[in-house]
C-alpha atoms as a PDB file:
ATOM      1  CA  UNK A   1     -34.313  77.427  31.066  1.00  0.00           C
ATOM      2  CA  UNK A   2     -34.467  73.773  30.071  1.00  0.00           C
ATOM      3  CA  UNK A   3     -33.704  72.524  26.605  1.00  0.00           C
ATOM      4  CA  UNK A   4     -36.385  70.683  24.636  1.00  0.00           C
ATOM      5  CA  UNK A   5     -35.835  66.933  24.431  1.00  0.00           C
ATOM      6  CA  UNK A   6     -33.883  65.830  21.400  1.00  0.00           C
ATOM      7  CA  UNK A   7     -36.030  64.100  18.866  1.00  0.00           C
ATOM      8  CA  UNK A   8     -34.756  60.815  17.511  1.00  0.00           C
ATOM      9  CA  UNK A   9     -33.674  60.633  13.906  1.00  0.00           C
ATOM     10  CA  UNK A  10     -36.814  59.418  12.146  1.00  0.00           C
ATOM     11  CA  UNK A  11     -34.782  57.836   9.343  1.00  0.00           C
ATOM     12  CA  UNK A  12     -32.507  55.831  11.598  1.00  0.00           C
ATOM     13  CA  UNK A  13     -35.102  53.201  12.525  1.00  0.00           C
ATOM     14  CA  UNK A  14     -35.988  52.487   8.900  1.00  0.00           C
ATOM     15  CA  UNK A  15     -32.308  52.322   7.966  1.00  0.00           C
ATOM     16  CA  UNK A  16     -31.488  49.918  10.816  1.00  0.00           C
ATOM     17  CA  UNK A  17     -34.395  47.720   9.763  1.00  0.00           C
ATOM     18  CA  UNK A  18     -33.180  47.756   6.157  1.00  0.00           C
ATOM     19  CA  UNK A  19     -29.660  46.822   7.207  1.00  0.00           C
ATOM     20  CA  UNK A  20     -30.970  43.958   9.334  1.00  0.00           C
ATOM     21  CA  UNK A  21     -33.069  42.618   6.432  1.00  0.00           C
ATOM     22  CA  UNK A  22     -30.133  42.919   4.022  1.00  0.00           C
ATOM     23  CA  UNK A  23     -27.724  41.234   6.422  1.00  0.00           C
ATOM     24  CA  UNK A  24     -30.137  38.392   7.097  1.00  0.00           C
ATOM     25  CA  UNK A  25     -31.111  37.860   3.458  1.00  0.00           C
ATOM     26  CA  UNK A  26     -27.547  37.867   2.172  1.00  0.00           C
ATOM     27  CA  UNK A  27     -26.333  35.574   4.954  1.00  0.00           C
ATOM     28  CA  UNK A  28     -29.238  33.225   4.207  1.00  0.00           C
ATOM     29  CA  UNK A  29     -28.391  33.185   0.492  1.00  0.00           C
ATOM     30  CA  UNK A  30     -24.755  32.414   1.278  1.00  0.00           C
ATOM     31  CA  UNK A  31     -25.633  29.575   3.632  1.00  0.00           C
ATOM     32  CA  UNK A  32     -28.153  28.169   1.148  1.00  0.00           C
ATOM     33  CA  UNK A  33     -25.535  28.125  -1.602  1.00  0.00           C
ATOM     34  CA  UNK A  34     -22.956  26.444   0.634  1.00  0.00           C
ATOM     35  CA  UNK A  35     -25.433  23.835   1.892  1.00  0.00           C
ATOM     36  CA  UNK A  36     -26.813  23.247  -1.602  1.00  0.00           C
ATOM     37  CA  UNK A  37     -23.342  22.608  -2.959  1.00  0.00           C
ATOM     38  CA  UNK A  38     -22.720  19.994  -0.269  1.00  0.00           C
ATOM     39  CA  UNK A  39     -26.100  18.315  -0.818  1.00  0.00           C
ATOM     40  CA  UNK A  40     -25.747  17.863  -4.600  1.00  0.00           C
ATOM     41  CA  UNK A  41     -24.028  14.424  -4.528  1.00  0.00           C
ATOM     42  CA  UNK A  42     -26.158  12.927  -1.747  1.00  0.00           C
ATOM     43  CA  UNK A  43     -29.570  14.576  -2.062  1.00  0.00           C
ATOM     44  CA  UNK A  44     -30.098  16.091  -5.519  1.00  0.00           C
ATOM     45  CA  UNK A  45     -33.753  16.991  -4.880  1.00  0.00           C
ATOM     46  CA  UNK A  46     -32.898  18.758  -1.619  1.00  0.00           C
ATOM     47  CA  UNK A  47     -30.014  20.529  -3.319  1.00  0.00           C
ATOM     48  CA  UNK A  48     -32.350  21.734  -6.052  1.00  0.00           C
ATOM     49  CA  UNK A  49     -34.764  23.164  -3.502  1.00  0.00           C
ATOM     50  CA  UNK A  50     -31.952  24.859  -1.596  1.00  0.00           C
ATOM     51  CA  UNK A  51     -30.408  26.335  -4.707  1.00  0.00           C
ATOM     52  CA  UNK A  52     -33.844  27.549  -5.831  1.00  0.00           C
ATOM     53  CA  UNK A  53     -34.315  29.320  -2.488  1.00  0.00           C
ATOM     54  CA  UNK A  54     -31.014  31.226  -2.703  1.00  0.00           C
ATOM     55  CA  UNK A  55     -32.304  33.628  -5.390  1.00  0.00           C
ATOM     56  CA  UNK A  56     -35.434  34.106  -3.276  1.00  0.00           C
ATOM     57  CA  UNK A  57     -33.255  35.210  -0.369  1.00  0.00           C
ATOM     58  CA  UNK A  58     -31.563  37.747  -2.654  1.00  0.00           C
ATOM     59  CA  UNK A  59     -35.026  38.873  -3.812  1.00  0.00           C
ATOM     60  CA  UNK A  60     -35.940  39.493  -0.162  1.00  0.00           C
ATOM     61  CA  UNK A  61     -32.911  41.801   0.080  1.00  0.00           C
ATOM     62  CA  UNK A  62     -34.011  43.667  -3.051  1.00  0.00           C
ATOM     63  CA  UNK A  63     -37.574  43.994  -1.754  1.00  0.00           C
ATOM     64  CA  UNK A  64     -36.283  45.257   1.593  1.00  0.00           C
ATOM     65  CA  UNK A  65     -34.296  47.946  -0.198  1.00  0.00           C
ATOM     66  CA  UNK A  66     -37.340  48.915  -2.270  1.00  0.00           C
ATOM     67  CA  UNK A  67     -39.523  49.097   0.806  1.00  0.00           C
ATOM     68  CA  UNK A  68     -36.954  51.259   2.568  1.00  0.00           C
ATOM     69  CA  UNK A  69     -37.016  53.743  -0.304  1.00  0.00           C
ATOM     70  CA  UNK A  70     -40.810  53.837  -0.147  1.00  0.00           C
ATOM     71  CA  UNK A  71     -40.809  54.423   3.609  1.00  0.00           C
ATOM     72  CA  UNK A  72     -38.307  57.260   3.240  1.00  0.00           C
ATOM     73  CA  UNK A  73     -40.470  59.184   0.746  1.00  0.00           C
ATOM     74  CA  UNK A  74     -42.609  61.781   2.517  1.00  0.00           C
ATOM     75  CA  UNK A  75     -45.585  61.076   0.239  1.00  0.00           C
ATOM     76  CA  UNK A  76     -45.720  57.471   1.492  1.00  0.00           C
ATOM     77  CA  UNK A  77     -45.135  58.166   5.168  1.00  0.00           C
ATOM     78  CA  UNK A  78     -47.378  55.908   7.170  1.00  0.00           C
ATOM     79  CA  UNK A  79     -48.332  53.846   4.099  1.00  0.00           C
ATOM     80  CA  UNK A  80     -45.296  51.712   3.250  1.00  0.00           C
ATOM     81  CA  UNK A  81     -45.754  49.300   0.395  1.00  0.00           C
ATOM     82  CA  UNK A  82     -43.919  46.084  -0.239  1.00  0.00           C
ATOM     83  CA  UNK A  83     -44.454  44.569   3.184  1.00  0.00           C
ATOM     84  CA  UNK A  84     -46.558  41.763   1.741  1.00  0.00           C
ATOM     85  CA  UNK A  85     -43.966  40.915  -0.922  1.00  0.00           C
ATOM     86  CA  UNK A  86     -41.240  40.965   1.700  1.00  0.00           C
ATOM     87  CA  UNK A  87     -43.218  38.636   3.947  1.00  0.00           C
ATOM     88  CA  UNK A  88     -44.059  36.256   1.075  1.00  0.00           C
ATOM     89  CA  UNK A  89     -40.419  36.062   0.005  1.00  0.00           C
ATOM     90  CA  UNK A  90     -39.342  35.317   3.551  1.00  0.00           C
ATOM     91  CA  UNK A  91     -41.996  32.626   3.940  1.00  0.00           C
ATOM     92  CA  UNK A  92     -40.900  30.989   0.668  1.00  0.00           C
ATOM     93  CA  UNK A  93     -37.272  30.878   1.800  1.00  0.00           C
ATOM     94  CA  UNK A  94     -38.246  29.400   5.176  1.00  0.00           C
ATOM     95  CA  UNK A  95     -40.622  26.879   3.541  1.00  0.00           C
ATOM     96  CA  UNK A  96     -37.830  25.784   1.212  1.00  0.00           C
ATOM     97  CA  UNK A  97     -35.527  25.274   4.186  1.00  0.00           C
ATOM     98  CA  UNK A  98     -38.140  23.199   5.990  1.00  0.00           C
ATOM     99  CA  UNK A  99     -38.750  21.109   2.859  1.00  0.00           C
ATOM    100  CA  UNK A 100     -35.027  20.413   2.532  1.00  0.00           C
ATOM    101  CA  UNK A 101     -34.732  19.488   6.191  1.00  0.00           C
ATOM    102  CA  UNK A 102     -37.694  17.108   5.878  1.00  0.00           C
ATOM    103  CA  UNK A 103     -36.247  15.529   2.738  1.00  0.00           C
ATOM    104  CA  UNK A 104     -32.804  15.044   4.268  1.00  0.00           C
ATOM    105  CA  UNK A 105     -34.182  13.624   7.507  1.00  0.00           C
ATOM    106  CA  UNK A 106     -36.536  11.239   5.657  1.00  0.00           C
ATOM    107  CA  UNK A 107     -33.787   9.932   3.369  1.00  0.00           C
END
Protein backbone atom coordinates (compact mmCIF):
# COMPACT_ATOMS: atom_id res chain seq x y z
CA UNK A 1 0.00 0.00 0.00
CA UNK A 2 1.38 3.40 -0.93
CA UNK A 3 1.34 6.37 1.38
CA UNK A 4 -0.53 9.52 0.36
CA UNK A 5 1.75 12.36 -0.73
CA UNK A 6 2.71 14.72 2.06
CA UNK A 7 0.99 18.03 1.79
CA UNK A 8 3.16 21.10 2.12
CA UNK A 9 2.76 23.29 5.16
CA UNK A 10 0.30 25.94 3.97
CA UNK A 11 1.65 28.49 6.45
CA UNK A 12 5.28 28.13 5.44
CA UNK A 13 4.95 30.03 2.16
CA UNK A 14 3.30 33.03 3.81
CA UNK A 15 5.89 33.01 6.59
CA UNK A 16 8.81 32.86 4.14
CA UNK A 17 7.29 35.75 2.20
CA UNK A 18 6.88 37.76 5.41
CA UNK A 19 10.48 37.10 6.42
CA UNK A 20 11.72 38.18 2.99
CA UNK A 21 9.70 41.42 3.16
CA UNK A 22 10.94 42.13 6.69
CA UNK A 23 14.55 41.42 5.80
CA UNK A 24 14.39 43.60 2.71
CA UNK A 25 12.56 46.48 4.39
CA UNK A 26 14.85 46.59 7.42
CA UNK A 27 17.99 46.32 5.29
CA UNK A 28 16.67 49.13 3.08
CA UNK A 29 15.97 51.33 6.12
CA UNK A 30 19.48 50.70 7.44
CA UNK A 31 21.12 51.52 4.12
CA UNK A 32 18.97 54.64 3.73
CA UNK A 33 20.00 55.89 7.16
CA UNK A 34 23.69 55.24 6.48
CA UNK A 35 23.57 56.90 3.05
CA UNK A 36 21.51 59.81 4.37
CA UNK A 37 24.03 60.46 7.12
CA UNK A 38 26.85 60.61 4.57
CA UNK A 39 24.88 62.88 2.22
CA UNK A 40 23.99 65.53 4.83
CA UNK A 41 27.11 67.73 4.38
CA UNK A 42 27.25 67.53 0.58
CA UNK A 43 23.65 67.16 -0.56
CA UNK A 44 21.19 68.30 2.11
CA UNK A 45 18.13 67.94 -0.14
CA UNK A 46 19.09 64.39 -1.13
CA UNK A 47 19.79 63.56 2.50
CA UNK A 48 16.35 64.84 3.47
CA UNK A 49 14.69 62.63 0.87
CA UNK A 50 16.71 59.61 1.95
CA UNK A 51 16.00 60.15 5.62
CA UNK A 52 12.30 60.62 4.83
CA UNK A 53 12.26 57.28 3.00
CA UNK A 54 13.76 55.33 5.92
CA UNK A 55 10.54 55.47 7.98
CA UNK A 56 8.65 54.40 4.85
CA UNK A 57 10.84 51.31 4.63
CA UNK A 58 10.01 50.50 8.26
CA UNK A 59 6.32 51.07 7.44
CA UNK A 60 6.64 48.49 4.65
CA UNK A 61 7.90 46.00 7.26
CA UNK A 62 4.94 46.79 9.52
CA UNK A 63 2.48 46.43 6.63
CA UNK A 64 4.07 43.12 5.64
CA UNK A 65 3.57 41.83 9.17
CA UNK A 66 -0.05 43.00 9.16
CA UNK A 67 -0.70 41.36 5.82
CA UNK A 68 0.84 38.12 7.06
CA UNK A 69 -1.54 38.07 10.01
CA UNK A 70 -4.48 38.65 7.67
CA UNK A 71 -3.39 35.85 5.34
CA UNK A 72 -3.04 33.46 8.27
CA UNK A 73 -6.62 34.00 9.48
CA UNK A 74 -8.96 31.36 8.06
CA UNK A 75 -11.74 33.91 7.54
CA UNK A 76 -9.54 35.86 5.11
CA UNK A 77 -8.08 32.91 3.24
CA UNK A 78 -7.93 33.79 -0.42
CA UNK A 79 -8.74 37.46 0.26
CA UNK A 80 -5.61 39.00 1.77
CA UNK A 81 -5.78 42.70 2.45
CA UNK A 82 -2.95 45.15 2.65
CA UNK A 83 -1.32 44.25 -0.64
CA UNK A 84 -2.05 47.68 -2.08
CA UNK A 85 -0.59 49.48 0.95
CA UNK A 86 2.47 47.26 0.81
CA UNK A 87 2.96 47.98 -2.88
CA UNK A 88 2.46 51.75 -2.41
CA UNK A 89 4.99 51.85 0.43
CA UNK A 90 7.52 49.96 -1.66
CA UNK A 91 6.98 52.27 -4.64
CA UNK A 92 7.46 55.34 -2.42
CA UNK A 93 10.75 53.99 -1.06
CA UNK A 94 12.00 53.17 -4.57
CA UNK A 95 10.84 56.57 -5.92
CA UNK A 96 12.71 58.30 -3.11
CA UNK A 97 15.85 56.36 -3.97
CA UNK A 98 15.56 57.30 -7.64
CA UNK A 99 15.00 60.96 -6.73
CA UNK A 100 18.12 60.96 -4.56
CA UNK A 101 20.18 59.30 -7.27
CA UNK A 102 18.98 61.87 -9.82
CA UNK A 103 19.76 64.74 -7.46
CA UNK A 104 23.24 63.47 -6.64
CA UNK A 105 24.09 62.77 -10.27
CA UNK A 106 22.81 66.19 -11.41
CA UNK A 107 24.76 68.07 -8.74
